[in-house]
Amino acid sequence: MGKTVKKQRPVNLDLSTIRFPVTAISSILHRVSGVITLVAIGILLWLLGLSLSSPEGFQHAASIMDGFFAKFIMWGI
């Protein structure tokens, strides 16, 4: 067999100089939005269960849905 040449390759550890292609950025954002959607659906299912448990639970879920965070989740979904 032939000789294997092990050449020292340059290592770039400065992450701010790396330029990602548009497809890589799109892929990363798609994964992040998927995780956010998964968490939001979990919160909404919890609120649904709370609202169906009792009249007091419905009032509690309605008061939670009046908050900014819940409205933001509903807007995103």
N, C-alpha and C. Protein backbone atom coordinates (compact mmCIF):
# COMPACT_ATOMS: atom_id res chain seq x y z
N MET A 1 0.83 -1.18 0.00
CA MET A 1 0.00 0.00 0.00
C MET A 1 0.88 1.24 0.00
N GLY A 2 0.27 2.32 -0.40
CA GLY A 2 1.00 3.58 -0.45
C GLY A 2 1.09 4.26 0.90
N LYS A 3 1.98 5.22 0.97
CA LYS A 3 2.13 5.98 2.21
C LYS A 3 0.94 6.92 2.39
N THR A 4 0.54 7.06 3.62
CA THR A 4 -0.51 8.02 3.93
C THR A 4 0.15 9.28 4.45
N VAL A 5 -0.19 10.38 3.81
CA VAL A 5 0.38 11.66 4.22
C VAL A 5 -0.63 12.34 5.13
N LYS A 6 -0.21 12.61 6.35
CA LYS A 6 -1.07 13.31 7.29
C LYS A 6 -0.63 14.76 7.34
N LYS A 7 -1.36 15.57 6.66
CA LYS A 7 -1.04 16.99 6.57
C LYS A 7 -1.81 17.74 7.65
N GLN A 8 -1.17 18.67 8.30
CA GLN A 8 -1.83 19.49 9.29
C GLN A 8 -2.81 20.43 8.59
N ARG A 9 -4.07 20.24 8.88
CA ARG A 9 -5.09 21.08 8.26
C ARG A 9 -5.36 22.28 9.15
N PRO A 10 -5.67 23.42 8.56
CA PRO A 10 -5.97 24.60 9.38
C PRO A 10 -7.30 24.41 10.11
N VAL A 11 -7.34 24.86 11.34
CA VAL A 11 -8.54 24.76 12.16
C VAL A 11 -9.03 26.17 12.45
N ASN A 12 -10.26 26.43 12.09
CA ASN A 12 -10.86 27.74 12.33
C ASN A 12 -11.81 27.62 13.52
N LEU A 13 -11.40 28.14 14.67
CA LEU A 13 -12.23 28.08 15.87
C LEU A 13 -13.02 29.35 16.10
N ASP A 14 -12.87 30.34 15.25
CA ASP A 14 -13.61 31.59 15.39
C ASP A 14 -14.94 31.44 14.64
N LEU A 15 -16.01 31.14 15.40
CA LEU A 15 -17.30 30.85 14.78
C LEU A 15 -17.93 32.07 14.12
N SER A 16 -17.50 33.26 14.51
CA SER A 16 -18.10 34.46 13.91
C SER A 16 -17.64 34.69 12.47
N THR A 17 -16.60 34.02 12.04
CA THR A 17 -16.12 34.19 10.67
C THR A 17 -16.72 33.18 9.70
N ILE A 18 -17.42 32.18 10.23
CA ILE A 18 -18.02 31.16 9.37
C ILE A 18 -19.29 31.73 8.74
N ARG A 19 -19.42 31.59 7.44
CA ARG A 19 -20.60 32.06 6.72
C ARG A 19 -21.45 30.84 6.35
N PHE A 20 -22.66 30.80 6.90
CA PHE A 20 -23.57 29.71 6.59
C PHE A 20 -24.31 30.01 5.30
N PRO A 21 -24.54 29.00 4.47
CA PRO A 21 -25.38 29.21 3.29
C PRO A 21 -26.84 29.41 3.70
N VAL A 22 -27.62 29.95 2.81
CA VAL A 22 -29.02 30.24 3.10
C VAL A 22 -29.77 28.96 3.49
N THR A 23 -29.45 27.86 2.85
CA THR A 23 -30.13 26.61 3.16
C THR A 23 -29.83 26.13 4.58
N ALA A 24 -28.63 26.37 5.07
CA ALA A 24 -28.29 25.97 6.45
C ALA A 24 -29.06 26.82 7.45
N ILE A 25 -29.14 28.11 7.20
CA ILE A 25 -29.90 28.99 8.09
C ILE A 25 -31.37 28.60 8.08
N SER A 26 -31.90 28.31 6.90
CA SER A 26 -33.29 27.89 6.78
C SER A 26 -33.54 26.59 7.55
N SER A 27 -32.62 25.66 7.48
CA SER A 27 -32.75 24.39 8.18
C SER A 27 -32.74 24.59 9.69
N ILE A 28 -31.85 25.41 10.17
CA ILE A 28 -31.77 25.68 11.62
C ILE A 28 -33.05 26.34 12.11
N LEU A 29 -33.53 27.34 11.39
CA LEU A 29 -34.76 28.03 11.79
C LEU A 29 -35.97 27.09 11.73
N HIS A 30 -35.99 26.19 10.77
CA HIS A 30 -37.09 25.24 10.67
C HIS A 30 -37.11 24.30 11.87
N ARG A 31 -35.95 23.86 12.31
CA ARG A 31 -35.87 22.99 13.49
C ARG A 31 -36.30 23.73 14.75
N VAL A 32 -35.86 24.98 14.88
CA VAL A 32 -36.23 25.78 16.06
C VAL A 32 -37.74 26.00 16.09
N SER A 33 -38.33 26.33 14.94
CA SER A 33 -39.78 26.55 14.91
C SER A 33 -40.54 25.26 15.22
N GLY A 34 -40.00 24.12 14.83
CA GLY A 34 -40.64 22.85 15.17
C GLY A 34 -40.64 22.58 16.66
N VAL A 35 -39.54 22.89 17.33
CA VAL A 35 -39.47 22.70 18.79
C VAL A 35 -40.44 23.65 19.48
N ILE A 36 -40.50 24.90 19.03
CA ILE A 36 -41.43 25.87 19.62
C ILE A 36 -42.87 25.42 19.43
N THR A 37 -43.20 24.91 18.25
CA THR A 37 -44.56 24.42 17.99
C THR A 37 -44.89 23.23 18.88
N LEU A 38 -43.94 22.32 19.08
CA LEU A 38 -44.17 21.17 19.94
C LEU A 38 -44.46 21.60 21.38
N VAL A 39 -43.69 22.54 21.89
CA VAL A 39 -43.91 23.04 23.25
C VAL A 39 -45.25 23.75 23.34
N ALA A 40 -45.58 24.56 22.33
CA ALA A 40 -46.85 25.29 22.34
C ALA A 40 -48.04 24.34 22.32
N ILE A 41 -47.96 23.28 21.54
CA ILE A 41 -49.06 22.31 21.51
C ILE A 41 -49.21 21.62 22.86
N GLY A 42 -48.09 21.33 23.52
CA GLY A 42 -48.17 20.75 24.85
C GLY A 42 -48.86 21.67 25.84
N ILE A 43 -48.54 22.95 25.79
CA ILE A 43 -49.18 23.93 26.69
C ILE A 43 -50.66 24.04 26.38
N LEU A 44 -51.01 24.06 25.10
CA LEU A 44 -52.42 24.17 24.72
C LEU A 44 -53.21 22.92 25.12
N LEU A 45 -52.61 21.75 25.01
CA LEU A 45 -53.30 20.53 25.45
C LEU A 45 -53.50 20.53 26.96
N TRP A 46 -52.52 21.04 27.69
CA TRP A 46 -52.67 21.15 29.14
C TRP A 46 -53.82 22.10 29.47
N LEU A 47 -53.90 23.23 28.75
CA LEU A 47 -54.99 24.17 28.99
C LEU A 47 -56.34 23.56 28.63
N LEU A 48 -56.39 22.76 27.57
CA LEU A 48 -57.64 22.10 27.21
C LEU A 48 -58.07 21.13 28.30
N GLY A 49 -57.15 20.35 28.81
CA GLY A 49 -57.47 19.43 29.90
C GLY A 49 -57.93 20.17 31.15
N LEU A 50 -57.28 21.29 31.44
CA LEU A 50 -57.67 22.10 32.59
C LEU A 50 -59.07 22.66 32.41
N SER A 51 -59.37 23.13 31.21
CA SER A 51 -60.69 23.74 30.98
C SER A 51 -61.81 22.71 30.99
N LEU A 52 -61.51 21.47 30.64
CA LEU A 52 -62.54 20.43 30.63
C LEU A 52 -62.69 19.72 31.97
N SER A 53 -61.83 20.01 32.92
CA SER A 53 -61.87 19.29 34.20
C SER A 53 -63.03 19.73 35.09
N SER A 54 -63.30 21.02 35.14
CA SER A 54 -64.36 21.53 36.01
C SER A 54 -64.67 22.97 35.62
N PRO A 55 -65.77 23.52 36.12
CA PRO A 55 -66.05 24.94 35.84
C PRO A 55 -64.96 25.87 36.39
N GLU A 56 -64.39 25.52 37.55
CA GLU A 56 -63.31 26.33 38.10
C GLU A 56 -62.06 26.22 37.22
N GLY A 57 -61.82 25.03 36.71
CA GLY A 57 -60.70 24.85 35.80
C GLY A 57 -60.87 25.65 34.52
N PHE A 58 -62.12 25.72 34.05
CA PHE A 58 -62.39 26.52 32.85
C PHE A 58 -62.11 28.00 33.12
N GLN A 59 -62.52 28.48 34.29
CA GLN A 59 -62.26 29.88 34.63
C GLN A 59 -60.76 30.14 34.75
N HIS A 60 -60.04 29.20 35.32
CA HIS A 60 -58.59 29.35 35.45
C HIS A 60 -57.92 29.35 34.07
N ALA A 61 -58.36 28.44 33.20
CA ALA A 61 -57.80 28.39 31.84
C ALA A 61 -58.13 29.67 31.08
N ALA A 62 -59.34 30.19 31.27
CA ALA A 62 -59.73 31.43 30.60
C ALA A 62 -58.88 32.60 31.09
N SER A 63 -58.57 32.62 32.38
CA SER A 63 -57.73 33.71 32.90
C SER A 63 -56.30 33.59 32.38
N ILE A 64 -55.82 32.36 32.21
CA ILE A 64 -54.48 32.16 31.63
C ILE A 64 -54.47 32.63 30.18
N MET A 65 -55.53 32.32 29.43
CA MET A 65 -55.60 32.69 28.02
C MET A 65 -55.71 34.20 27.82
N ASP A 66 -56.06 34.93 28.86
CA ASP A 66 -56.11 36.39 28.75
C ASP A 66 -54.73 37.02 28.81
N GLY A 67 -53.73 36.26 29.21
CA GLY A 67 -52.37 36.79 29.33
C GLY A 67 -51.68 36.93 27.99
N PHE A 68 -50.61 37.72 27.99
CA PHE A 68 -49.87 37.99 26.75
C PHE A 68 -49.20 36.74 26.20
N PHE A 69 -48.62 35.93 27.08
CA PHE A 69 -47.89 34.74 26.63
C PHE A 69 -48.81 33.77 25.89
N ALA A 70 -50.00 33.55 26.44
CA ALA A 70 -50.94 32.64 25.79
C ALA A 70 -51.44 33.20 24.47
N LYS A 71 -51.68 34.49 24.41
CA LYS A 71 -52.11 35.10 23.15
C LYS A 71 -51.00 35.02 22.11
N PHE A 72 -49.76 35.16 22.55
CA PHE A 72 -48.63 35.06 21.63
C PHE A 72 -48.51 33.64 21.07
N ILE A 73 -48.73 32.64 21.92
CA ILE A 73 -48.70 31.25 21.47
C ILE A 73 -49.82 31.01 20.46
N MET A 74 -51.01 31.48 20.76
CA MET A 74 -52.14 31.29 19.85
C MET A 74 -51.90 31.99 18.52
N TRP A 75 -51.27 33.13 18.56
CA TRP A 75 -50.94 33.85 17.32
C TRP A 75 -49.93 33.06 16.50
N GLY A 76 -48.99 32.42 17.16
CA GLY A 76 -47.96 31.66 16.46
C GLY A 76 -48.47 30.36 15.88
N ILE A 77 -49.44 29.76 16.53
CA ILE A 77 -49.97 28.48 16.04
C ILE A 77 -50.98 28.78 14.98
